[in-house]
């Protein structure tokens, strides 16, 4: 079954129906009746919709959500309040997804790996909730909208969800987004979404591991002398990712090897900071003796290689050029 492209136009779909009608009249396609209405119905069913009007409303809903225009959304939900709740489906880039969860991940263009600011996304989420969207999603969903917002770094949507009473303790399904079952604050920590992480911590999210405490920037109450070497390495990686410079120093002072890698994924503080454009962390780690030539265990790529890879694929930060300069200087390059 064909799927809708991320940015379909109704005129394009109308042209598809007219082309089908012309083909039927020419004898190269079959329609039950040679009418435009039947051609439109055939196009709608080809995309998995029961009627042309249902296909049209789905396309219009996505257009309005993508526009983040509060007036357009208010008008749409006044005429069709069910569109605040019913799943969006048939899309090439997102498949079947609840509207509130879709808004929570709009910050990333999935097929391009581009991250962008989405002004107005919080207001869209607020309107959807007011129209009946379920704040914590439905039983059986792989993750709540708040976990999605945390993973994709939309602080405005996250704040609206928190204000609406979203559960801070809800846990995602195993491997949702490539992360083991975890709460929103852990998703924000793992994916490097510091602003959302700080919002969740301020709202009372539970900090239940040394690495999460390091990501949040506060090791108060954690006995580093009792922590395993691997736990301290993971904490250092998290601190570097979220640019918690004081925490980096505390962990190094507790004997954490600055160039150590985590045992599961081979991540390392300097390389991850470089990949995500964390210029302050990169400068701080280099000043404390981190080795910019230390290659990852799989590909042998250096921190500079990971910086360039992150710039090409993640595009999450405006500091990649500064990171590249710091690392090039550290390698003695001009």
C-alpha atoms as a PDB file:
ATOM      1  CA  UNK A   1       0.000   0.000   0.000  1.00  0.00           C
ATOM      2  CA  UNK A   2       1.446   3.432  -0.878  1.00  0.00           C
ATOM      3  CA  UNK A   3       2.122   5.879   1.949  1.00  0.00           C
ATOM      4  CA  UNK A   4       1.713   9.618   2.124  1.00  0.00           C
ATOM      5  CA  UNK A   5       4.871  11.728   1.744  1.00  0.00           C
ATOM      6  CA  UNK A   6       5.737  13.997   4.680  1.00  0.00           C
ATOM      7  CA  UNK A   7       4.387  17.099   2.954  1.00  0.00           C
ATOM      8  CA  UNK A   8       1.526  16.089   0.647  1.00  0.00           C
ATOM      9  CA  UNK A   9      -0.655  18.610  -1.108  1.00  0.00           C
ATOM     10  CA  UNK A  10      -4.338  18.130  -1.697  1.00  0.00           C
ATOM     11  CA  UNK A  11      -3.887  19.416  -5.225  1.00  0.00           C
ATOM     12  CA  UNK A  12      -1.397  16.606  -5.863  1.00  0.00           C
ATOM     13  CA  UNK A  13      -3.889  14.031  -4.591  1.00  0.00           C
ATOM     14  CA  UNK A  14      -6.620  15.576  -6.729  1.00  0.00           C
ATOM     15  CA  UNK A  15      -4.345  15.286  -9.741  1.00  0.00           C
ATOM     16  CA  UNK A  16      -3.816  11.612  -8.909  1.00  0.00           C
ATOM     17  CA  UNK A  17      -7.588  11.109  -8.977  1.00  0.00           C
ATOM     18  CA  UNK A  18      -7.942  12.952 -12.280  1.00  0.00           C
ATOM     19  CA  UNK A  19      -5.096  10.934 -13.796  1.00  0.00           C
ATOM     20  CA  UNK A  20      -6.816   7.741 -12.668  1.00  0.00           C
ATOM     21  CA  UNK A  21     -10.081   8.898 -14.215  1.00  0.00           C
ATOM     22  CA  UNK A  22      -8.364   9.693 -17.511  1.00  0.00           C
ATOM     23  CA  UNK A  23      -6.680   6.288 -17.480  1.00  0.00           C
ATOM     24  CA  UNK A  24     -10.022   4.583 -16.865  1.00  0.00           C
ATOM     25  CA  UNK A  25     -11.603   6.443 -19.761  1.00  0.00           C
ATOM     26  CA  UNK A  26      -8.677   5.415 -21.938  1.00  0.00           C
ATOM     27  CA  UNK A  27      -9.180   1.809 -20.907  1.00  0.00           C
ATOM     28  CA  UNK A  28      -5.853   1.433 -19.065  1.00  0.00           C
ATOM     29  CA  UNK A  29      -7.359   1.463 -15.539  1.00  0.00           C
ATOM     30  CA  UNK A  30     -10.546   0.118 -13.996  1.00  0.00           C
ATOM     31  CA  UNK A  31     -13.079   2.095 -11.976  1.00  0.00           C
ATOM     32  CA  UNK A  32     -16.443   0.913 -10.756  1.00  0.00           C
ATOM     33  CA  UNK A  33     -17.953   4.051 -12.293  1.00  0.00           C
ATOM     34  CA  UNK A  34     -16.284   6.622 -14.496  1.00  0.00           C
ATOM     35  CA  UNK A  35     -16.713   9.585 -12.183  1.00  0.00           C
ATOM     36  CA  UNK A  36     -14.277  11.877 -10.405  1.00  0.00           C
ATOM     37  CA  UNK A  37     -15.831  10.944  -7.056  1.00  0.00           C
ATOM     38  CA  UNK A  38     -15.082   7.291  -7.694  1.00  0.00           C
ATOM     39  CA  UNK A  39     -11.543   8.099  -8.766  1.00  0.00           C
ATOM     40  CA  UNK A  40     -11.040  10.083  -5.562  1.00  0.00           C
ATOM     41  CA  UNK A  41     -12.429   7.180  -3.529  1.00  0.00           C
ATOM     42  CA  UNK A  42     -10.027   4.803  -5.272  1.00  0.00           C
ATOM     43  CA  UNK A  43      -7.074   7.092  -4.448  1.00  0.00           C
ATOM     44  CA  UNK A  44      -8.186   7.343  -0.818  1.00  0.00           C
ATOM     45  CA  UNK A  45      -8.513   3.586  -0.480  1.00  0.00           C
ATOM     46  CA  UNK A  46      -5.122   3.153  -2.091  1.00  0.00           C
ATOM     47  CA  UNK A  47      -3.665   5.086   0.851  1.00  0.00           C
ATOM     48  CA  UNK A  48      -5.710   3.094   3.352  1.00  0.00           C
ATOM     49  CA  UNK A  49      -8.557   5.553   3.991  1.00  0.00           C
ATOM     50  CA  UNK A  50     -12.228   4.689   3.804  1.00  0.00           C
ATOM     51  CA  UNK A  51     -13.236   7.854   1.968  1.00  0.00           C
ATOM     52  CA  UNK A  52     -11.866  10.838   0.115  1.00  0.00           C
ATOM     53  CA  UNK A  53     -13.056  13.150   2.887  1.00  0.00           C
ATOM     54  CA  UNK A  54     -11.135  11.142   5.489  1.00  0.00           C
ATOM     55  CA  UNK A  55      -7.952  11.324   3.420  1.00  0.00           C
ATOM     56  CA  UNK A  56      -8.473  15.034   2.901  1.00  0.00           C
ATOM     57  CA  UNK A  57      -8.956  15.706   6.624  1.00  0.00           C
ATOM     58  CA  UNK A  58      -5.810  13.702   7.461  1.00  0.00           C
ATOM     59  CA  UNK A  59      -3.729  15.738   5.027  1.00  0.00           C
ATOM     60  CA  UNK A  60      -5.235  18.958   6.353  1.00  0.00           C
ATOM     61  CA  UNK A  61      -4.534  17.929   9.957  1.00  0.00           C
ATOM     62  CA  UNK A  62      -0.861  17.379   9.258  1.00  0.00           C
ATOM     63  CA  UNK A  63      -0.618  20.652   7.358  1.00  0.00           C
ATOM     64  CA  UNK A  64      -2.130  22.537  10.287  1.00  0.00           C
ATOM     65  CA  UNK A  65       0.010  20.789  12.897  1.00  0.00           C
ATOM     66  CA  UNK A  66       3.150  21.426  10.868  1.00  0.00           C
ATOM     67  CA  UNK A  67       2.216  25.098  10.518  1.00  0.00           C
ATOM     68  CA  UNK A  68       1.858  25.453  14.303  1.00  0.00           C
ATOM     69  CA  UNK A  69      -0.721  28.163  13.622  1.00  0.00           C
ATOM     70  CA  UNK A  70      -3.011  28.356  16.686  1.00  0.00           C
ATOM     71  CA  UNK A  71      -5.894  29.923  14.772  1.00  0.00           C
ATOM     72  CA  UNK A  72      -5.846  27.286  12.044  1.00  0.00           C
ATOM     73  CA  UNK A  73      -5.663  24.549  14.662  1.00  0.00           C
ATOM     74  CA  UNK A  74      -8.510  26.023  16.692  1.00  0.00           C
ATOM     75  CA  UNK A  75     -10.702  26.143  13.584  1.00  0.00           C
ATOM     76  CA  UNK A  76      -9.795  22.571  12.630  1.00  0.00           C
ATOM     77  CA  UNK A  77     -10.545  21.196  16.084  1.00  0.00           C
ATOM     78  CA  UNK A  78     -13.799  23.137  16.307  1.00  0.00           C
ATOM     79  CA  UNK A  79     -15.026  21.446  13.143  1.00  0.00           C
ATOM     80  CA  UNK A  80     -13.374  18.068  13.837  1.00  0.00           C
ATOM     81  CA  UNK A  81     -12.594  17.618  17.566  1.00  0.00           C
ATOM     82  CA  UNK A  82     -11.930  13.931  16.966  1.00  0.00           C
ATOM     83  CA  UNK A  83      -8.732  14.897  15.140  1.00  0.00           C
ATOM     84  CA  UNK A  84      -7.148  15.806  18.488  1.00  0.00           C
ATOM     85  CA  UNK A  85      -7.359  12.153  19.534  1.00  0.00           C
ATOM     86  CA  UNK A  86      -7.517   9.873  16.499  1.00  0.00           C
ATOM     87  CA  UNK A  87      -4.206   8.425  15.335  1.00  0.00           C
ATOM     88  CA  UNK A  88      -2.411   9.963  12.415  1.00  0.00           C
ATOM     89  CA  UNK A  89      -1.697   7.168   9.962  1.00  0.00           C
ATOM     90  CA  UNK A  90      -0.523   6.394   6.480  1.00  0.00           C
ATOM     91  CA  UNK A  91       2.585   8.583   6.628  1.00  0.00           C
ATOM     92  CA  UNK A  92       5.914   7.610   5.124  1.00  0.00           C
ATOM     93  CA  UNK A  93       8.023   9.149   7.883  1.00  0.00           C
ATOM     94  CA  UNK A  94       6.056   8.422  11.062  1.00  0.00           C
ATOM     95  CA  UNK A  95       3.564   5.664  10.406  1.00  0.00           C
ATOM     96  CA  UNK A  96       0.725   5.513  12.935  1.00  0.00           C
ATOM     97  CA  UNK A  97       1.065   8.008  15.782  1.00  0.00           C
ATOM     98  CA  UNK A  98      -1.159   9.991  18.144  1.00  0.00           C
ATOM     99  CA  UNK A  99      -1.299  13.731  17.314  1.00  0.00           C
ATOM    100  CA  UNK A 100       0.161  14.775  20.679  1.00  0.00           C
ATOM    101  CA  UNK A 101       3.091  12.398  20.260  1.00  0.00           C
ATOM    102  CA  UNK A 102       3.621  13.664  16.719  1.00  0.00           C
ATOM    103  CA  UNK A 103       3.887  17.239  17.983  1.00  0.00           C
ATOM    104  CA  UNK A 104       6.407  16.057  20.595  1.00  0.00           C
ATOM    105  CA  UNK A 105       8.778  14.778  17.881  1.00  0.00           C
ATOM    106  CA  UNK A 106       8.327  17.440  15.199  1.00  0.00           C
ATOM    107  CA  UNK A 107      11.634  19.000  16.195  1.00  0.00           C
ATOM    108  CA  UNK A 108      13.486  16.332  14.217  1.00  0.00           C
ATOM    109  CA  UNK A 109      13.154  15.708  10.488  1.00  0.00           C
ATOM    110  CA  UNK A 110      13.623  11.971  10.881  1.00  0.00           C
ATOM    111  CA  UNK A 111      14.607  11.045   7.338  1.00  0.00           C
ATOM    112  CA  UNK A 112      17.165  13.892   7.137  1.00  0.00           C
ATOM    113  CA  UNK A 113      18.495  13.801  10.702  1.00  0.00           C
ATOM    114  CA  UNK A 114      17.971  17.556  10.989  1.00  0.00           C
ATOM    115  CA  UNK A 115      17.111  19.114  14.347  1.00  0.00           C
ATOM    116  CA  UNK A 116      15.356  22.487  14.336  1.00  0.00           C
ATOM    117  CA  UNK A 117      13.581  24.824  16.711  1.00  0.00           C
ATOM    118  CA  UNK A 118       9.792  24.628  16.497  1.00  0.00           C
ATOM    119  CA  UNK A 119       8.268  27.868  17.846  1.00  0.00           C
ATOM    120  CA  UNK A 120       4.626  27.358  18.741  1.00  0.00           C
ATOM    121  CA  UNK A 121       4.820  23.615  19.340  1.00  0.00           C
ATOM    122  CA  UNK A 122       3.921  24.076  22.999  1.00  0.00           C
ATOM    123  CA  UNK A 123       0.744  25.948  22.140  1.00  0.00           C
ATOM    124  CA  UNK A 124      -0.214  23.224  19.672  1.00  0.00           C
ATOM    125  CA  UNK A 125       0.229  20.628  22.424  1.00  0.00           C
ATOM    126  CA  UNK A 126      -1.861  22.761  24.789  1.00  0.00           C
ATOM    127  CA  UNK A 127      -4.707  22.993  22.287  1.00  0.00           C
ATOM    128  CA  UNK A 128      -4.656  19.272  21.608  1.00  0.00           C
ATOM    129  CA  UNK A 129      -4.842  18.498  25.329  1.00  0.00           C
ATOM    130  CA  UNK A 130      -7.709  20.961  25.761  1.00  0.00           C
ATOM    131  CA  UNK A 131      -9.515  19.186  22.929  1.00  0.00           C
ATOM    132  CA  UNK A 132      -9.171  15.769  24.576  1.00  0.00           C
ATOM    133  CA  UNK A 133      -5.712  14.413  23.750  1.00  0.00           C
ATOM    134  CA  UNK A 134      -4.609  12.059  26.540  1.00  0.00           C
ATOM    135  CA  UNK A 135      -1.613  13.555  28.353  1.00  0.00           C
ATOM    136  CA  UNK A 136       0.071  10.218  29.078  1.00  0.00           C
ATOM    137  CA  UNK A 137      -1.095   8.460  25.934  1.00  0.00           C
ATOM    138  CA  UNK A 138      -2.982   5.205  25.923  1.00  0.00           C
ATOM    139  CA  UNK A 139      -2.249   1.861  27.544  1.00  0.00           C
ATOM    140  CA  UNK A 140       0.011  -0.099  25.240  1.00  0.00           C
ATOM    141  CA  UNK A 141       1.786   2.929  23.727  1.00  0.00           C
ATOM    142  CA  UNK A 142       5.526   2.377  23.552  1.00  0.00           C
ATOM    143  CA  UNK A 143       6.181   5.680  25.290  1.00  0.00           C
ATOM    144  CA  UNK A 144       4.275   8.653  26.655  1.00  0.00           C
ATOM    145  CA  UNK A 145       4.263  12.014  24.858  1.00  0.00           C
ATOM    146  CA  UNK A 146       6.527  13.379  27.619  1.00  0.00           C
ATOM    147  CA  UNK A 147       9.114  10.673  26.967  1.00  0.00           C
ATOM    148  CA  UNK A 148       8.923  11.509  23.259  1.00  0.00           C
ATOM    149  CA  UNK A 149       9.374  15.235  23.953  1.00  0.00           C
ATOM    150  CA  UNK A 150      12.333  14.394  26.196  1.00  0.00           C
ATOM    151  CA  UNK A 151      13.951  12.218  23.526  1.00  0.00           C
ATOM    152  CA  UNK A 152      13.535  14.835  20.795  1.00  0.00           C
ATOM    153  CA  UNK A 153      14.337  17.819  22.990  1.00  0.00           C
ATOM    154  CA  UNK A 154      11.189  19.899  22.668  1.00  0.00           C
ATOM    155  CA  UNK A 155      11.259  21.870  25.914  1.00  0.00           C
ATOM    156  CA  UNK A 156       8.067  23.809  25.146  1.00  0.00           C
ATOM    157  CA  UNK A 157       6.022  20.654  24.632  1.00  0.00           C
ATOM    158  CA  UNK A 158       7.626  19.054  27.675  1.00  0.00           C
ATOM    159  CA  UNK A 159       6.675  22.025  29.851  1.00  0.00           C
ATOM    160  CA  UNK A 160       3.068  21.944  28.642  1.00  0.00           C
ATOM    161  CA  UNK A 161       2.871  18.229  29.390  1.00  0.00           C
ATOM    162  CA  UNK A 162       4.405  18.683  32.849  1.00  0.00           C
ATOM    163  CA  UNK A 163       1.954  21.500  33.605  1.00  0.00           C
ATOM    164  CA  UNK A 164      -0.898  19.246  32.459  1.00  0.00           C
ATOM    165  CA  UNK A 165       0.110  16.568  34.973  1.00  0.00           C
ATOM    166  CA  UNK A 166       2.066  14.162  32.790  1.00  0.00           C
ATOM    167  CA  UNK A 167       3.629  11.320  34.742  1.00  0.00           C
ATOM    168  CA  UNK A 168       7.311  11.833  35.466  1.00  0.00           C
ATOM    169  CA  UNK A 169       7.681   8.176  36.436  1.00  0.00           C
ATOM    170  CA  UNK A 170       6.167   6.564  33.330  1.00  0.00           C
ATOM    171  CA  UNK A 171       8.524   4.061  31.697  1.00  0.00           C
ATOM    172  CA  UNK A 172       8.975   3.431  27.991  1.00  0.00           C
ATOM    173  CA  UNK A 173       8.677   0.020  26.403  1.00  0.00           C
ATOM    174  CA  UNK A 174      11.954  -1.894  26.000  1.00  0.00           C
ATOM    175  CA  UNK A 175      14.177  -0.380  23.310  1.00  0.00           C
ATOM    176  CA  UNK A 176      11.773   2.450  22.486  1.00  0.00           C
ATOM    177  CA  UNK A 177      14.060   4.791  20.593  1.00  0.00           C
ATOM    178  CA  UNK A 178      16.950   2.413  21.151  1.00  0.00           C
ATOM    179  CA  UNK A 179      16.911   2.954  24.928  1.00  0.00           C
ATOM    180  CA  UNK A 180      16.085   0.270  27.516  1.00  0.00           C
ATOM    181  CA  UNK A 181      12.877   0.839  29.504  1.00  0.00           C
ATOM    182  CA  UNK A 182      13.404   4.254  31.083  1.00  0.00           C
ATOM    183  CA  UNK A 183      11.646   7.385  32.256  1.00  0.00           C
ATOM    184  CA  UNK A 184      11.519  10.728  30.459  1.00  0.00           C
ATOM    185  CA  UNK A 185      14.441  12.136  32.447  1.00  0.00           C
ATOM    186  CA  UNK A 186      16.674   9.234  31.412  1.00  0.00           C
ATOM    187  CA  UNK A 187      15.668   9.663  27.768  1.00  0.00           C
ATOM    188  CA  UNK A 188      16.558  13.353  27.977  1.00  0.00           C
ATOM    189  CA  UNK A 189      19.899  12.442  29.554  1.00  0.00           C
ATOM    190  CA  UNK A 190      20.809   9.738  27.033  1.00  0.00           C
ATOM    191  CA  UNK A 191      19.883  11.833  23.992  1.00  0.00           C
ATOM    192  CA  UNK A 192      21.662  14.927  25.267  1.00  0.00           C
ATOM    193  CA  UNK A 193      18.578  17.108  25.700  1.00  0.00           C
ATOM    194  CA  UNK A 194      19.851  19.256  28.553  1.00  0.00           C
ATOM    195  CA  UNK A 195      17.088  21.870  28.593  1.00  0.00           C
ATOM    196  CA  UNK A 196      14.369  19.235  28.885  1.00  0.00           C
ATOM    197  CA  UNK A 197      16.453  17.338  31.442  1.00  0.00           C
ATOM    198  CA  UNK A 198      16.635  20.447  33.613  1.00  0.00           C
ATOM    199  CA  UNK A 199      12.875  20.988  33.332  1.00  0.00           C
ATOM    200  CA  UNK A 200      12.188  17.425  34.439  1.00  0.00           C
ATOM    201  CA  UNK A 201      14.590  17.625  37.367  1.00  0.00           C
ATOM    202  CA  UNK A 202      13.009  20.916  38.484  1.00  0.00           C
ATOM    203  CA  UNK A 203       9.596  19.242  38.280  1.00  0.00           C
ATOM    204  CA  UNK A 204      10.731  16.470  40.636  1.00  0.00           C
ATOM    205  CA  UNK A 205      11.842  13.662  38.337  1.00  0.00           C
ATOM    206  CA  UNK A 206      13.625  10.871  40.205  1.00  0.00           C
ATOM    207  CA  UNK A 207      17.410  10.671  39.911  1.00  0.00           C
ATOM    208  CA  UNK A 208      18.146   7.005  40.514  1.00  0.00           C
ATOM    209  CA  UNK A 209      21.663   6.435  39.209  1.00  0.00           C
ATOM    210  CA  UNK A 210      25.083   8.039  39.413  1.00  0.00           C
ATOM    211  CA  UNK A 211      25.153   8.648  35.660  1.00  0.00           C
ATOM    212  CA  UNK A 212      21.779  10.396  35.767  1.00  0.00           C
ATOM    213  CA  UNK A 213      22.936  12.519  38.704  1.00  0.00           C
ATOM    214  CA  UNK A 214      25.991  13.502  36.673  1.00  0.00           C
ATOM    215  CA  UNK A 215      23.812  14.417  33.694  1.00  0.00           C
ATOM    216  CA  UNK A 216      21.684  16.560  36.010  1.00  0.00           C
ATOM    217  CA  UNK A 217      24.809  18.244  37.371  1.00  0.00           C
ATOM    218  CA  UNK A 218      24.548  17.333  41.051  1.00  0.00           C
ATOM    219  CA  UNK A 219      26.436  14.488  42.737  1.00  0.00           C
ATOM    220  CA  UNK A 220      25.342  15.454  46.249  1.00  0.00           C
ATOM    221  CA  UNK A 221      24.727  12.346  48.314  1.00  0.00           C
ATOM    222  CA  UNK A 222      26.418   9.947  45.921  1.00  0.00           C
ATOM    223  CA  UNK A 223      29.326   8.022  47.440  1.00  0.00           C
ATOM    224  CA  UNK A 224      31.900   7.938  44.667  1.00  0.00           C
ATOM    225  CA  UNK A 225      34.162   5.737  46.739  1.00  0.00           C
ATOM    226  CA  UNK A 226      31.551   2.996  46.619  1.00  0.00           C
ATOM    227  CA  UNK A 227      30.775   3.357  42.899  1.00  0.00           C
ATOM    228  CA  UNK A 228      32.196   0.895  40.397  1.00  0.00           C
ATOM    229  CA  UNK A 229      34.749   2.049  37.888  1.00  0.00           C
ATOM    230  CA  UNK A 230      32.263   1.578  35.062  1.00  0.00           C
ATOM    231  CA  UNK A 231      29.591   3.606  36.855  1.00  0.00           C
ATOM    232  CA  UNK A 232      32.029   6.484  37.204  1.00  0.00           C
ATOM    233  CA  UNK A 233      32.976   6.242  33.517  1.00  0.00           C
ATOM    234  CA  UNK A 234      29.305   6.411  32.517  1.00  0.00           C
ATOM    235  CA  UNK A 235      28.845   9.387  34.828  1.00  0.00           C
ATOM    236  CA  UNK A 236      31.807  11.165  33.229  1.00  0.00           C
ATOM    237  CA  UNK A 237      30.361  10.584  29.765  1.00  0.00           C
ATOM    238  CA  UNK A 238      27.004  12.007  30.862  1.00  0.00           C
ATOM    239  CA  UNK A 239      28.610  15.002  32.560  1.00  0.00           C
ATOM    240  CA  UNK A 240      30.580  15.784  29.391  1.00  0.00           C
ATOM    241  CA  UNK A 241      27.503  15.457  27.186  1.00  0.00           C
ATOM    242  CA  UNK A 242      25.550  17.928  29.337  1.00  0.00           C
ATOM    243  CA  UNK A 243      28.538  20.230  29.979  1.00  0.00           C
ATOM    244  CA  UNK A 244      28.512  19.792  33.751  1.00  0.00           C
ATOM    245  CA  UNK A 245      32.098  20.969  34.151  1.00  0.00           C
ATOM    246  CA  UNK A 246      32.189  20.888  37.964  1.00  0.00           C
ATOM    247  CA  UNK A 247      30.944  17.308  37.900  1.00  0.00           C
ATOM    248  CA  UNK A 248      33.657  16.370  35.409  1.00  0.00           C
ATOM    249  CA  UNK A 249      36.261  17.651  37.857  1.00  0.00           C
ATOM    250  CA  UNK A 250      34.727  15.782  40.796  1.00  0.00           C
ATOM    251  CA  UNK A 251      34.732  12.520  38.839  1.00  0.00           C
ATOM    252  CA  UNK A 252      38.300  12.999  37.642  1.00  0.00           C
ATOM    253  CA  UNK A 253      39.307  13.775  41.196  1.00  0.00           C
ATOM    254  CA  UNK A 254      37.743  10.475  42.259  1.00  0.00           C
ATOM    255  CA  UNK A 255      40.074   8.632  39.901  1.00  0.00           C
ATOM    256  CA  UNK A 256      37.876   8.219  36.839  1.00  0.00           C
ATOM    257  CA  UNK A 257      40.138   7.714  33.787  1.00  0.00           C
ATOM    258  CA  UNK A 258      39.522  10.633  31.445  1.00  0.00           C
ATOM    259  CA  UNK A 259      39.793   8.568  28.229  1.00  0.00           C
ATOM    260  CA  UNK A 260      37.933   5.494  29.468  1.00  0.00           C
ATOM    261  CA  UNK A 261      35.094   4.000  27.415  1.00  0.00           C
ATOM    262  CA  UNK A 262      31.849   2.448  28.517  1.00  0.00           C
ATOM    263  CA  UNK A 263      31.888  -1.317  28.164  1.00  0.00           C
ATOM    264  CA  UNK A 264      28.584  -1.682  26.315  1.00  0.00           C
ATOM    265  CA  UNK A 265      28.719   0.898  23.509  1.00  0.00           C
ATOM    266  CA  UNK A 266      32.331   2.109  23.499  1.00  0.00           C
ATOM    267  CA  UNK A 267      31.282   5.702  24.208  1.00  0.00           C
ATOM    268  CA  UNK A 268      33.838   8.076  25.640  1.00  0.00           C
ATOM    269  CA  UNK A 269      33.507  11.540  27.175  1.00  0.00           C
ATOM    270  CA  UNK A 270      35.579  13.528  24.676  1.00  0.00           C
ATOM    271  CA  UNK A 271      34.235  11.776  21.594  1.00  0.00           C
ATOM    272  CA  UNK A 272      30.585  12.154  22.621  1.00  0.00           C
ATOM    273  CA  UNK A 273      31.084  15.797  23.556  1.00  0.00           C
ATOM    274  CA  UNK A 274      32.736  16.349  20.172  1.00  0.00           C
ATOM    275  CA  UNK A 275      30.002  14.581  18.253  1.00  0.00           C
ATOM    276  CA  UNK A 276      27.288  16.689  19.886  1.00  0.00           C
ATOM    277  CA  UNK A 277      29.090  19.995  19.654  1.00  0.00           C
ATOM    278  CA  UNK A 278      29.688  20.513  23.394  1.00  0.00           C
ATOM    279  CA  UNK A 279      32.460  23.074  23.039  1.00  0.00           C
ATOM    280  CA  UNK A 280      32.814  23.874  26.738  1.00  0.00           C
ATOM    281  CA  UNK A 281      33.169  20.207  27.635  1.00  0.00           C
ATOM    282  CA  UNK A 282      35.665  19.585  24.842  1.00  0.00           C
ATOM    283  CA  UNK A 283      37.820  22.517  25.943  1.00  0.00           C
ATOM    284  CA  UNK A 284      37.570  21.438  29.590  1.00  0.00           C
ATOM    285  CA  UNK A 285      38.508  17.818  28.885  1.00  0.00           C
ATOM    286  CA  UNK A 286      41.423  18.749  26.629  1.00  0.00           C
ATOM    287  CA  UNK A 287      42.772  21.081  29.305  1.00  0.00           C
ATOM    288  CA  UNK A 288      42.707  18.169  31.741  1.00  0.00           C
ATOM    289  CA  UNK A 289      44.608  15.819  29.500  1.00  0.00           C
ATOM    290  CA  UNK A 290      42.036  14.055  27.324  1.00  0.00           C
ATOM    291  CA  UNK A 291      43.688  12.488  24.281  1.00  0.00           C
ATOM    292  CA  UNK A 292      42.127  13.793  21.021  1.00  0.00           C
ATOM    293  CA  UNK A 293      43.764  10.911  19.110  1.00  0.00           C
ATOM    294  CA  UNK A 294      42.056   8.188  21.144  1.00  0.00           C
ATOM    295  CA  UNK A 295      40.051   6.226  18.569  1.00  0.00           C
ATOM    296  CA  UNK A 296      36.782   4.442  19.177  1.00  0.00           C
ATOM    297  CA  UNK A 297      36.995   0.644  19.503  1.00  0.00           C
ATOM    298  CA  UNK A 298      34.886  -0.133  16.434  1.00  0.00           C
ATOM    299  CA  UNK A 299      36.050   2.241  13.694  1.00  0.00           C
ATOM    300  CA  UNK A 300      39.140   3.826  15.220  1.00  0.00           C
ATOM    301  CA  UNK A 301      37.641   7.286  14.716  1.00  0.00           C
ATOM    302  CA  UNK A 302      39.094  10.137  16.743  1.00  0.00           C
ATOM    303  CA  UNK A 303      37.158  12.869  18.533  1.00  0.00           C
ATOM    304  CA  UNK A 304      37.690  15.127  15.512  1.00  0.00           C
ATOM    305  CA  UNK A 305      36.238  12.450  13.234  1.00  0.00           C
ATOM    306  CA  UNK A 306      33.211  12.178  15.541  1.00  0.00           C
ATOM    307  CA  UNK A 307      32.840  15.951  15.545  1.00  0.00           C
ATOM    308  CA  UNK A 308      32.644  16.006  11.754  1.00  0.00           C
ATOM    309  CA  UNK A 309      30.316  13.018  11.760  1.00  0.00           C
ATOM    310  CA  UNK A 310      28.025  14.759  14.232  1.00  0.00           C
ATOM    311  CA  UNK A 311      28.038  17.946  12.200  1.00  0.00           C
ATOM    312  CA  UNK A 312      26.998  15.995   9.109  1.00  0.00           C
ATOM    313  CA  UNK A 313      24.315  13.824  10.692  1.00  0.00           C
ATOM    314  CA  UNK A 314      22.995  15.247  13.963  1.00  0.00           C
ATOM    315  CA  UNK A 315      23.200  18.979  13.315  1.00  0.00           C
ATOM    316  CA  UNK A 316      22.063  19.598  16.894  1.00  0.00           C
ATOM    317  CA  UNK A 317      24.465  22.373  17.856  1.00  0.00           C
ATOM    318  CA  UNK A 318      25.834  25.643  16.557  1.00  0.00           C
ATOM    319  CA  UNK A 319      29.170  24.981  18.318  1.00  0.00           C
ATOM    320  CA  UNK A 320      30.544  22.323  15.974  1.00  0.00           C
ATOM    321  CA  UNK A 321      32.957  24.752  14.304  1.00  0.00           C
ATOM    322  CA  UNK A 322      34.399  25.740  17.681  1.00  0.00           C
ATOM    323  CA  UNK A 323      34.739  22.074  18.653  1.00  0.00           C
ATOM    324  CA  UNK A 324      36.547  21.326  15.396  1.00  0.00           C
ATOM    325  CA  UNK A 325      38.922  24.215  16.026  1.00  0.00           C
ATOM    326  CA  UNK A 326      39.672  23.047  19.569  1.00  0.00           C
ATOM    327  CA  UNK A 327      40.341  19.499  18.464  1.00  0.00           C
ATOM    328  CA  UNK A 328      42.431  20.554  15.473  1.00  0.00           C
ATOM    329  CA  UNK A 329      44.561  22.713  17.769  1.00  0.00           C
ATOM    330  CA  UNK A 330      44.876  19.777  20.154  1.00  0.00           C
ATOM    331  CA  UNK A 331      46.164  17.623  17.307  1.00  0.00           C
ATOM    332  CA  UNK A 332      48.619  20.308  16.206  1.00  0.00           C
ATOM    333  CA  UNK A 333      46.713  21.016  12.968  1.00  0.00           C
ATOM    334  CA  UNK A 334      46.176  24.438  11.475  1.00  0.00           C
END
